[in-house]
Structures are given as structure tokens and as C-alpha cells.
Amino acid sequence: MGLMALSIEVCELHDAFAVNELQHYVELGFCKRGEEARLIEDGITEIGGKLPVNPSGGLLSKGHPISASGIAQVAEIVWQLRGQAGKRQVANARVGLAHVAGGEVAGLESGAVAVHILKM
């Protein structure tokens, strides 16, 4: 895993399309290209794993509320850090990352990206 992944204890990342989650693992430095599937296969991104990703279920589980996606992700990280996430709670989470992307450039890439790292 990349250096950034070592300090992040819970992550809500933009997964408007299923493949986005895998792409963002690389872009955020959680793994090298080609290692994305291993994170899932090894359980690293599960709630009890080393780097829980989208314990909320991700954007697709919420119907991807376009204008509210970023706020929903930040709120989930705040609840995680406060220990208020109920059944989705990641044990002892103290550093969380919320990532949201939107728009398109040439139909291929996100036109805007925001990353928030919150610490308890």
C-alpha cells in the first residue's frame, strides 16, 4: 500500500460507477496499478480490514445524490470518527478521507475533485 493509505483508517470515496472505486484506489495511493482487485480479495477494504472503504455502502447505495454526494461522504467520515456510525462503525477510526469527483473533461476524466482528510 502507498504511504497515504498507511495513515487513513476509513475512506468514503467516489464510486458513481463500479469501476471508479478501483481507479480511485490507485489515484489516492492506496495501491499500485494492477493491485486494485487484491485490496478487495484480501478483505483490506472491508469494515474490519486495514483500510475500510465506503462503510456507508458508497454512492450507489444512496442513489448517488449528485449535489449532496460530497456532503454525505464528509458526514459519514465525521460519524465514523465520533463513533456514531452504528452497524457500519469502523473500530477506533481516528483519521478519515472523503473523496468526491464530478463533471467531465473530454468525456474521460473528472472535471473537479475534492479530498478532505479529517482527524479526530
N, C-alpha and C. Protein backbone atom coordinates (compact mmCIF):
# COMPACT_ATOMS: atom_id res chain seq x y z
N MET A 1 0.84 -1.18 0.00
CA MET A 1 0.00 0.00 0.00
C MET A 1 0.88 1.24 0.00
N GLY A 2 0.35 2.32 -0.54
CA GLY A 2 1.08 3.58 -0.59
C GLY A 2 1.16 4.24 0.78
N LEU A 3 2.01 5.24 0.89
CA LEU A 3 2.22 5.95 2.14
C LEU A 3 0.92 6.54 2.68
N MET A 4 0.11 7.15 1.79
CA MET A 4 -1.15 7.75 2.22
C MET A 4 -2.07 6.73 2.88
N ALA A 5 -2.13 5.54 2.32
CA ALA A 5 -3.03 4.51 2.84
C ALA A 5 -2.65 4.11 4.27
N LEU A 6 -1.41 4.26 4.63
CA LEU A 6 -0.97 3.85 5.96
C LEU A 6 -1.54 4.74 7.05
N SER A 7 -1.87 6.00 6.74
CA SER A 7 -2.39 6.89 7.77
C SER A 7 -3.91 7.02 7.74
N ILE A 8 -4.55 6.61 6.68
CA ILE A 8 -6.01 6.69 6.56
C ILE A 8 -6.61 5.44 7.19
N GLU A 9 -7.58 5.63 8.09
CA GLU A 9 -8.18 4.50 8.79
C GLU A 9 -9.59 4.17 8.31
N VAL A 10 -10.21 5.09 7.57
CA VAL A 10 -11.52 4.87 6.96
C VAL A 10 -11.63 5.83 5.78
N CYS A 11 -12.27 5.37 4.71
CA CYS A 11 -12.37 6.18 3.50
C CYS A 11 -13.75 6.07 2.88
N GLU A 12 -14.29 7.20 2.49
CA GLU A 12 -15.50 7.26 1.68
C GLU A 12 -15.04 7.84 0.35
N LEU A 13 -15.08 7.03 -0.71
CA LEU A 13 -14.62 7.54 -2.00
C LEU A 13 -15.70 7.47 -3.05
N HIS A 14 -15.52 8.30 -4.05
CA HIS A 14 -16.50 8.47 -5.13
C HIS A 14 -16.57 7.21 -5.97
N ASP A 15 -17.70 6.55 -5.94
CA ASP A 15 -17.89 5.31 -6.70
C ASP A 15 -19.19 5.35 -7.49
N ALA A 16 -19.38 6.43 -8.26
CA ALA A 16 -20.61 6.59 -9.03
C ALA A 16 -20.79 5.46 -10.04
N PHE A 17 -19.70 4.86 -10.46
CA PHE A 17 -19.71 3.68 -11.32
C PHE A 17 -18.82 2.65 -10.63
N ALA A 18 -19.16 1.39 -10.74
CA ALA A 18 -18.43 0.35 -10.01
C ALA A 18 -16.93 0.40 -10.26
N VAL A 19 -16.52 0.66 -11.48
CA VAL A 19 -15.09 0.69 -11.80
C VAL A 19 -14.37 1.86 -11.13
N ASN A 20 -15.10 2.92 -10.79
CA ASN A 20 -14.47 4.08 -10.16
C ASN A 20 -13.74 3.73 -8.88
N GLU A 21 -14.32 2.86 -8.09
CA GLU A 21 -13.68 2.50 -6.83
C GLU A 21 -12.27 1.97 -7.09
N LEU A 22 -12.12 1.09 -8.04
CA LEU A 22 -10.81 0.53 -8.35
C LEU A 22 -9.85 1.59 -8.88
N GLN A 23 -10.33 2.47 -9.75
CA GLN A 23 -9.49 3.54 -10.29
C GLN A 23 -8.99 4.45 -9.17
N HIS A 24 -9.87 4.78 -8.25
CA HIS A 24 -9.51 5.71 -7.19
C HIS A 24 -8.54 5.11 -6.17
N TYR A 25 -8.54 3.79 -6.01
CA TYR A 25 -7.55 3.16 -5.13
C TYR A 25 -6.14 3.53 -5.59
N VAL A 26 -5.92 3.50 -6.89
CA VAL A 26 -4.61 3.84 -7.45
C VAL A 26 -4.36 5.33 -7.33
N GLU A 27 -5.34 6.14 -7.75
CA GLU A 27 -5.18 7.60 -7.75
C GLU A 27 -4.91 8.16 -6.36
N LEU A 28 -5.50 7.54 -5.35
CA LEU A 28 -5.29 8.01 -3.97
C LEU A 28 -4.05 7.41 -3.31
N GLY A 29 -3.36 6.55 -4.03
CA GLY A 29 -2.13 5.97 -3.50
C GLY A 29 -2.33 4.79 -2.57
N PHE A 30 -3.51 4.19 -2.60
CA PHE A 30 -3.78 3.03 -1.74
C PHE A 30 -3.09 1.77 -2.25
N CYS A 31 -2.81 1.73 -3.56
CA CYS A 31 -2.11 0.59 -4.15
C CYS A 31 -1.53 1.03 -5.49
N LYS A 32 -0.71 0.15 -6.06
CA LYS A 32 -0.16 0.39 -7.39
C LYS A 32 -1.15 -0.15 -8.43
N ARG A 33 -1.05 0.37 -9.65
CA ARG A 33 -1.90 -0.11 -10.74
C ARG A 33 -1.70 -1.61 -10.90
N GLY A 34 -2.80 -2.34 -11.04
CA GLY A 34 -2.76 -3.78 -11.16
C GLY A 34 -2.99 -4.50 -9.85
N GLU A 35 -2.95 -3.76 -8.73
CA GLU A 35 -3.15 -4.37 -7.40
C GLU A 35 -4.53 -4.08 -6.83
N GLU A 36 -5.38 -3.38 -7.60
CA GLU A 36 -6.68 -2.93 -7.10
C GLU A 36 -7.56 -4.08 -6.61
N ALA A 37 -7.68 -5.12 -7.41
CA ALA A 37 -8.55 -6.24 -7.05
C ALA A 37 -8.07 -6.95 -5.79
N ARG A 38 -6.76 -6.96 -5.57
CA ARG A 38 -6.20 -7.61 -4.39
C ARG A 38 -6.71 -6.96 -3.11
N LEU A 39 -6.90 -5.64 -3.12
CA LEU A 39 -7.42 -4.97 -1.93
C LEU A 39 -8.77 -5.54 -1.52
N ILE A 40 -9.59 -5.81 -2.51
CA ILE A 40 -10.92 -6.37 -2.24
C ILE A 40 -10.81 -7.85 -1.89
N GLU A 41 -10.07 -8.59 -2.70
CA GLU A 41 -9.94 -10.04 -2.47
C GLU A 41 -9.37 -10.37 -1.10
N ASP A 42 -8.43 -9.56 -0.63
CA ASP A 42 -7.78 -9.79 0.67
C ASP A 42 -8.56 -9.20 1.85
N GLY A 43 -9.72 -8.58 1.57
CA GLY A 43 -10.55 -8.02 2.64
C GLY A 43 -10.04 -6.73 3.23
N ILE A 44 -9.05 -6.12 2.59
CA ILE A 44 -8.45 -4.89 3.12
C ILE A 44 -9.45 -3.75 3.18
N THR A 45 -10.39 -3.71 2.23
CA THR A 45 -11.35 -2.59 2.16
C THR A 45 -12.66 -2.86 2.90
N GLU A 46 -12.77 -4.00 3.56
CA GLU A 46 -13.96 -4.30 4.35
C GLU A 46 -13.93 -3.54 5.67
N ILE A 47 -15.05 -3.46 6.35
CA ILE A 47 -15.12 -2.71 7.61
C ILE A 47 -14.07 -3.19 8.61
N GLY A 48 -13.78 -4.46 8.70
CA GLY A 48 -12.77 -4.97 9.62
C GLY A 48 -11.37 -5.02 9.03
N GLY A 49 -11.19 -4.55 7.79
CA GLY A 49 -9.90 -4.62 7.12
C GLY A 49 -8.97 -3.48 7.52
N LYS A 50 -7.77 -3.49 6.94
CA LYS A 50 -6.76 -2.47 7.24
C LYS A 50 -7.12 -1.09 6.73
N LEU A 51 -7.92 -1.03 5.66
CA LEU A 51 -8.33 0.25 5.07
C LEU A 51 -9.78 0.15 4.62
N PRO A 52 -10.73 0.29 5.55
CA PRO A 52 -12.14 0.20 5.19
C PRO A 52 -12.54 1.32 4.21
N VAL A 53 -13.14 0.92 3.11
CA VAL A 53 -13.57 1.87 2.09
C VAL A 53 -15.09 1.79 1.95
N ASN A 54 -15.73 2.93 1.99
CA ASN A 54 -17.17 3.06 1.82
C ASN A 54 -17.99 2.17 2.77
N PRO A 55 -17.75 2.31 4.07
CA PRO A 55 -18.57 1.53 5.01
C PRO A 55 -20.05 1.91 4.91
N SER A 56 -20.33 3.09 4.36
CA SER A 56 -21.72 3.53 4.18
C SER A 56 -22.42 2.74 3.08
N GLY A 57 -21.64 2.06 2.26
CA GLY A 57 -22.18 1.38 1.09
C GLY A 57 -21.83 2.12 -0.19
N GLY A 58 -21.28 3.32 -0.06
CA GLY A 58 -20.87 4.10 -1.22
C GLY A 58 -22.03 4.87 -1.85
N LEU A 59 -21.70 5.64 -2.85
CA LEU A 59 -22.69 6.49 -3.52
C LEU A 59 -23.82 5.71 -4.16
N LEU A 60 -23.48 4.58 -4.77
CA LEU A 60 -24.51 3.81 -5.46
C LEU A 60 -25.56 3.29 -4.49
N SER A 61 -25.19 2.99 -3.26
CA SER A 61 -26.17 2.50 -2.29
C SER A 61 -27.12 3.60 -1.83
N LYS A 62 -26.72 4.86 -2.05
CA LYS A 62 -27.54 6.01 -1.65
C LYS A 62 -28.30 6.60 -2.83
N GLY A 63 -28.15 6.01 -4.00
CA GLY A 63 -28.78 6.57 -5.18
C GLY A 63 -27.98 7.69 -5.79
N HIS A 64 -26.75 7.88 -5.35
CA HIS A 64 -25.83 8.92 -5.83
C HIS A 64 -26.51 10.29 -5.94
N PRO A 65 -26.81 10.89 -4.79
CA PRO A 65 -27.43 12.22 -4.80
C PRO A 65 -26.42 13.27 -5.25
N ILE A 66 -26.36 13.54 -6.53
CA ILE A 66 -25.28 14.30 -7.16
C ILE A 66 -24.87 15.55 -6.37
N SER A 67 -25.76 16.43 -6.08
CA SER A 67 -25.38 17.66 -5.39
C SER A 67 -25.00 17.43 -3.94
N ALA A 68 -25.45 16.35 -3.35
CA ALA A 68 -25.19 16.10 -1.94
C ALA A 68 -24.13 15.03 -1.69
N SER A 69 -23.54 14.48 -2.74
CA SER A 69 -22.59 13.37 -2.58
C SER A 69 -21.44 13.73 -1.65
N GLY A 70 -20.78 14.85 -1.88
CA GLY A 70 -19.63 15.24 -1.07
C GLY A 70 -19.99 15.46 0.38
N ILE A 71 -21.13 16.09 0.63
CA ILE A 71 -21.59 16.33 2.00
C ILE A 71 -21.88 15.01 2.70
N ALA A 72 -22.52 14.08 1.98
CA ALA A 72 -22.83 12.77 2.55
C ALA A 72 -21.55 12.03 2.93
N GLN A 73 -20.52 12.14 2.11
CA GLN A 73 -19.27 11.45 2.41
C GLN A 73 -18.56 12.07 3.61
N VAL A 74 -18.53 13.38 3.69
CA VAL A 74 -17.92 14.04 4.84
C VAL A 74 -18.70 13.70 6.10
N ALA A 75 -20.03 13.72 6.02
CA ALA A 75 -20.85 13.38 7.19
C ALA A 75 -20.54 11.96 7.67
N GLU A 76 -20.41 11.01 6.75
CA GLU A 76 -20.09 9.63 7.13
C GLU A 76 -18.75 9.56 7.84
N ILE A 77 -17.76 10.27 7.34
CA ILE A 77 -16.44 10.26 8.00
C ILE A 77 -16.54 10.87 9.39
N VAL A 78 -17.28 11.95 9.54
CA VAL A 78 -17.46 12.55 10.87
C VAL A 78 -18.12 11.55 11.81
N TRP A 79 -19.17 10.88 11.36
CA TRP A 79 -19.84 9.88 12.21
C TRP A 79 -18.88 8.76 12.57
N GLN A 80 -18.06 8.33 11.62
CA GLN A 80 -17.08 7.28 11.89
C GLN A 80 -16.09 7.73 12.97
N LEU A 81 -15.57 8.94 12.83
CA LEU A 81 -14.57 9.43 13.79
C LEU A 81 -15.16 9.67 15.17
N ARG A 82 -16.43 9.99 15.22
CA ARG A 82 -17.12 10.20 16.51
C ARG A 82 -17.63 8.90 17.12
N GLY A 83 -17.54 7.80 16.37
CA GLY A 83 -18.07 6.52 16.86
C GLY A 83 -19.58 6.45 16.80
N GLN A 84 -20.19 7.19 15.86
CA GLN A 84 -21.65 7.28 15.75
C GLN A 84 -22.20 6.60 14.49
N ALA A 85 -21.45 5.65 13.91
CA ALA A 85 -21.86 5.06 12.64
C ALA A 85 -22.66 3.76 12.79
N GLY A 86 -23.01 3.39 14.00
CA GLY A 86 -23.85 2.22 14.21
C GLY A 86 -23.24 0.94 13.67
N LYS A 87 -24.04 0.17 12.92
CA LYS A 87 -23.58 -1.12 12.38
C LYS A 87 -22.44 -0.98 11.38
N ARG A 88 -22.26 0.22 10.83
CA ARG A 88 -21.19 0.47 9.86
C ARG A 88 -19.90 0.93 10.52
N GLN A 89 -19.87 1.01 11.84
CA GLN A 89 -18.75 1.60 12.55
C GLN A 89 -17.44 0.86 12.31
N VAL A 90 -16.41 1.63 11.97
CA VAL A 90 -15.05 1.12 11.87
C VAL A 90 -14.41 1.34 13.24
N ALA A 91 -13.97 0.28 13.86
CA ALA A 91 -13.41 0.35 15.21
C ALA A 91 -12.20 1.28 15.28
N ASN A 92 -12.24 2.17 16.26
CA ASN A 92 -11.10 3.06 16.58
C ASN A 92 -10.64 3.96 15.43
N ALA A 93 -11.51 4.31 14.52
CA ALA A 93 -11.14 5.19 13.41
C ALA A 93 -10.86 6.60 13.95
N ARG A 94 -9.69 7.12 13.62
CA ARG A 94 -9.30 8.46 14.06
C ARG A 94 -8.90 9.38 12.91
N VAL A 95 -8.65 8.79 11.71
CA VAL A 95 -8.29 9.57 10.53
C VAL A 95 -9.11 9.04 9.36
N GLY A 96 -9.86 9.93 8.71
CA GLY A 96 -10.70 9.51 7.61
C GLY A 96 -10.54 10.39 6.39
N LEU A 97 -10.79 9.82 5.23
CA LEU A 97 -10.68 10.54 3.97
C LEU A 97 -12.02 10.49 3.25
N ALA A 98 -12.49 11.65 2.80
CA ALA A 98 -13.69 11.75 1.97
C ALA A 98 -13.26 12.27 0.61
N HIS A 99 -13.65 11.59 -0.46
CA HIS A 99 -13.23 11.92 -1.82
C HIS A 99 -14.47 12.00 -2.71
N VAL A 100 -14.61 13.09 -3.43
CA VAL A 100 -15.73 13.24 -4.35
C VAL A 100 -15.21 13.84 -5.66
N ALA A 101 -15.80 13.41 -6.76
CA ALA A 101 -15.40 13.89 -8.08
C ALA A 101 -16.66 14.22 -8.87
N GLY A 102 -16.50 15.07 -9.88
CA GLY A 102 -17.66 15.41 -10.69
C GLY A 102 -17.29 16.07 -11.99
N GLY A 103 -18.26 16.13 -12.87
CA GLY A 103 -18.04 16.73 -14.18
C GLY A 103 -17.13 15.87 -15.04
N GLU A 104 -16.91 16.29 -16.25
CA GLU A 104 -16.04 15.54 -17.15
C GLU A 104 -15.16 16.47 -17.96
N VAL A 105 -13.97 16.00 -18.26
CA VAL A 105 -13.06 16.69 -19.17
C VAL A 105 -12.87 15.74 -20.34
N ALA A 106 -13.25 16.18 -21.51
CA ALA A 106 -13.14 15.36 -22.73
C ALA A 106 -13.85 14.02 -22.58
N GLY A 107 -14.85 13.95 -21.70
CA GLY A 107 -15.62 12.73 -21.53
C GLY A 107 -14.87 11.60 -20.85
N LEU A 108 -13.67 11.86 -20.35
CA LEU A 108 -12.84 10.80 -19.80
C LEU A 108 -12.49 10.98 -18.32
N GLU A 109 -12.29 12.19 -17.88
CA GLU A 109 -11.79 12.42 -16.53
C GLU A 109 -12.72 13.35 -15.76
N SER A 110 -12.56 13.34 -14.46
CA SER A 110 -13.35 14.24 -13.61
C SER A 110 -12.89 15.68 -13.82
N GLY A 111 -13.85 16.58 -13.89
CA GLY A 111 -13.54 18.00 -14.05
C GLY A 111 -13.18 18.65 -12.74
N ALA A 112 -13.63 18.07 -11.63
CA ALA A 112 -13.33 18.60 -10.30
C ALA A 112 -13.24 17.44 -9.31
N VAL A 113 -12.31 17.57 -8.40
CA VAL A 113 -12.12 16.55 -7.37
C VAL A 113 -11.85 17.26 -6.04
N ALA A 114 -12.47 16.77 -4.99
CA ALA A 114 -12.20 17.29 -3.64
C ALA A 114 -11.85 16.13 -2.72
N VAL A 115 -10.80 16.31 -1.96
CA VAL A 115 -10.39 15.32 -0.97
C VAL A 115 -10.29 16.02 0.37
N HIS A 116 -10.98 15.47 1.35
CA HIS A 116 -10.92 16.02 2.70
C HIS A 116 -10.36 14.93 3.61
N ILE A 117 -9.36 15.28 4.39
CA ILE A 117 -8.83 14.34 5.38
C ILE A 117 -9.17 14.92 6.75
N LEU A 118 -9.92 14.16 7.50
CA LEU A 118 -10.38 14.60 8.82
C LEU A 118 -9.72 13.75 9.89
N LYS A 119 -9.35 14.40 10.98
CA LYS A 119 -8.67 13.70 12.08
C LYS A 119 -9.37 14.01 13.38
N MET A 120 -9.51 13.00 14.19
CA MET A 120 -10.14 13.15 15.50
C MET A 120 -9.10 13.51 16.52
